[in-house]
Amino acid sequence: MQIQKWNDIMDKFIDLVGYDEGVNYVTTAKQDLYAEKYIYELSSWEDRVLTRKLRNTYVALKNKKEHQESISKRRKNNPS
């Protein structure tokens, strides 16, 4: 994987969940799959597998965040 692509993925996660949590998600996913390799040593196949895992994680986190925000908005608009 090219370092620029890795940095772009890292930036997306940081924008979504903050620095500490974003870095943790991305580095943990990489360590789970390819702990013995550096990011720039991944083959194109390994790159795709890691990217897919990170994409799925990102979508799940984004959906969770949007769901929590919609619940928060409903509570503000309809106080009980």
C-alpha atoms as a PDB file:
ATOM      1  CA  MET A   1       0.000   0.000   0.000  1.00  0.00           C
ATOM      2  CA  GLN A   2       1.245   3.448  -0.761  1.00  0.00           C
ATOM      3  CA  ILE A   3       1.846   5.665   2.235  1.00  0.00           C
ATOM      4  CA  GLN A   4      -0.372   8.418   0.769  1.00  0.00           C
ATOM      5  CA  LYS A   5      -3.331   6.011   0.590  1.00  0.00           C
ATOM      6  CA  TRP A   6      -2.690   4.907   4.191  1.00  0.00           C
ATOM      7  CA  ASN A   7      -2.581   8.536   5.328  1.00  0.00           C
ATOM      8  CA  ASP A   8      -5.828   9.315   3.488  1.00  0.00           C
ATOM      9  CA  ILE A   9      -7.570   6.394   5.210  1.00  0.00           C
ATOM     10  CA  MET A  10      -6.165   7.490   8.550  1.00  0.00           C
ATOM     11  CA  ASP A  11      -7.445  11.052   7.985  1.00  0.00           C
ATOM     12  CA  LYS A  12     -10.967   9.792   7.204  1.00  0.00           C
ATOM     13  CA  PHE A  13     -11.115   7.825  10.444  1.00  0.00           C
ATOM     14  CA  ILE A  14      -9.715  10.730  12.459  1.00  0.00           C
ATOM     15  CA  ASP A  15     -12.329  13.071  10.982  1.00  0.00           C
ATOM     16  CA  LEU A  16     -15.084  10.624  11.895  1.00  0.00           C
ATOM     17  CA  VAL A  17     -14.176   9.572  15.445  1.00  0.00           C
ATOM     18  CA  GLY A  18     -11.284  11.756  16.591  1.00  0.00           C
ATOM     19  CA  TYR A  19      -7.538  11.296  16.637  1.00  0.00           C
ATOM     20  CA  ASP A  20      -6.985   8.648  19.315  1.00  0.00           C
ATOM     21  CA  GLU A  21      -9.921   6.455  18.378  1.00  0.00           C
ATOM     22  CA  GLY A  22      -9.311   6.851  14.625  1.00  0.00           C
ATOM     23  CA  VAL A  23      -5.654   5.879  14.854  1.00  0.00           C
ATOM     24  CA  ASN A  24      -6.600   2.961  17.097  1.00  0.00           C
ATOM     25  CA  TYR A  25      -9.174   1.557  14.629  1.00  0.00           C
ATOM     26  CA  VAL A  26      -6.833   1.770  11.648  1.00  0.00           C
ATOM     27  CA  THR A  27      -3.705   0.412  13.307  1.00  0.00           C
ATOM     28  CA  THR A  28      -5.613  -2.370  15.063  1.00  0.00           C
ATOM     29  CA  ALA A  29      -7.155  -3.510  11.775  1.00  0.00           C
ATOM     30  CA  LYS A  30      -3.718  -3.584  10.154  1.00  0.00           C
ATOM     31  CA  GLN A  31      -2.180  -5.457  13.095  1.00  0.00           C
ATOM     32  CA  ASP A  32      -5.028  -8.007  13.102  1.00  0.00           C
ATOM     33  CA  LEU A  33      -4.414  -8.879   9.467  1.00  0.00           C
ATOM     34  CA  TYR A  34      -0.706  -8.275   8.842  1.00  0.00           C
ATOM     35  CA  ALA A  35       1.187  -7.760  12.070  1.00  0.00           C
ATOM     36  CA  GLU A  36       4.449  -9.012  10.587  1.00  0.00           C
ATOM     37  CA  LYS A  37       4.548  -6.545   7.668  1.00  0.00           C
ATOM     38  CA  TYR A  38       5.028  -2.826   7.274  1.00  0.00           C
ATOM     39  CA  ILE A  39       2.219  -1.017   5.492  1.00  0.00           C
ATOM     40  CA  TYR A  40       4.367  -0.322   2.437  1.00  0.00           C
ATOM     41  CA  GLU A  41       5.249  -4.031   2.121  1.00  0.00           C
ATOM     42  CA  LEU A  42       1.673  -5.196   1.535  1.00  0.00           C
ATOM     43  CA  SER A  43       0.918  -6.854  -1.784  1.00  0.00           C
ATOM     44  CA  SER A  44      -1.945  -5.584  -3.913  1.00  0.00           C
ATOM     45  CA  TRP A  45      -4.127  -8.443  -2.636  1.00  0.00           C
ATOM     46  CA  GLU A  46      -3.307  -7.679   1.008  1.00  0.00           C
ATOM     47  CA  ASP A  47      -3.949  -4.011   0.284  1.00  0.00           C
ATOM     48  CA  ARG A  48      -7.443  -4.829  -0.998  1.00  0.00           C
ATOM     49  CA  VAL A  49      -8.228  -7.049   1.981  1.00  0.00           C
ATOM     50  CA  LEU A  50      -7.134  -4.381   4.462  1.00  0.00           C
ATOM     51  CA  THR A  51      -8.952  -1.630   2.575  1.00  0.00           C
ATOM     52  CA  ARG A  52     -12.144  -3.684   2.537  1.00  0.00           C
ATOM     53  CA  LYS A  53     -11.933  -4.332   6.282  1.00  0.00           C
ATOM     54  CA  LEU A  54     -11.340  -0.646   6.971  1.00  0.00           C
ATOM     55  CA  ARG A  55     -14.163   0.390   4.631  1.00  0.00           C
ATOM     56  CA  ASN A  56     -16.606  -1.905   6.425  1.00  0.00           C
ATOM     57  CA  THR A  57     -15.467  -0.587   9.800  1.00  0.00           C
ATOM     58  CA  TYR A  58     -15.788   3.011   8.597  1.00  0.00           C
ATOM     59  CA  VAL A  59     -19.326   2.481   7.288  1.00  0.00           C
ATOM     60  CA  ALA A  60     -20.388   0.805  10.544  1.00  0.00           C
ATOM     61  CA  LEU A  61     -18.930   3.643  12.632  1.00  0.00           C
ATOM     62  CA  LYS A  62     -20.505   6.289  10.407  1.00  0.00           C
ATOM     63  CA  ASN A  63     -23.924   4.624  10.594  1.00  0.00           C
ATOM     64  CA  LYS A  64     -23.642   4.336  14.366  1.00  0.00           C
ATOM     65  CA  LYS A  65     -22.683   7.999  14.687  1.00  0.00           C
ATOM     66  CA  GLU A  66     -25.552   9.109  12.425  1.00  0.00           C
ATOM     67  CA  HIS A  67     -27.996   6.959  14.389  1.00  0.00           C
ATOM     68  CA  GLN A  68     -26.842   8.449  17.698  1.00  0.00           C
ATOM     69  CA  GLU A  69     -27.138  11.973  16.279  1.00  0.00           C
ATOM     70  CA  SER A  70     -30.690  11.337  15.031  1.00  0.00           C
ATOM     71  CA  ILE A  71     -31.711  10.001  18.455  1.00  0.00           C
ATOM     72  CA  SER A  72     -30.183  13.049  20.107  1.00  0.00           C
ATOM     73  CA  LYS A  73     -32.070  15.384  17.764  1.00  0.00           C
ATOM     74  CA  ARG A  74     -35.374  13.604  18.426  1.00  0.00           C
ATOM     75  CA  ARG A  75     -34.847  13.879  22.178  1.00  0.00           C
ATOM     76  CA  LYS A  76     -34.161  17.610  21.886  1.00  0.00           C
ATOM     77  CA  ASN A  77     -37.250  18.158  19.749  1.00  0.00           C
ATOM     78  CA  ASN A  78     -39.562  15.978  21.862  1.00  0.00           C
ATOM     79  CA  PRO A  79     -38.704  16.392  25.529  1.00  0.00           C
ATOM     80  CA  SER A  80     -40.702  14.063  27.756  1.00  0.00           C
END
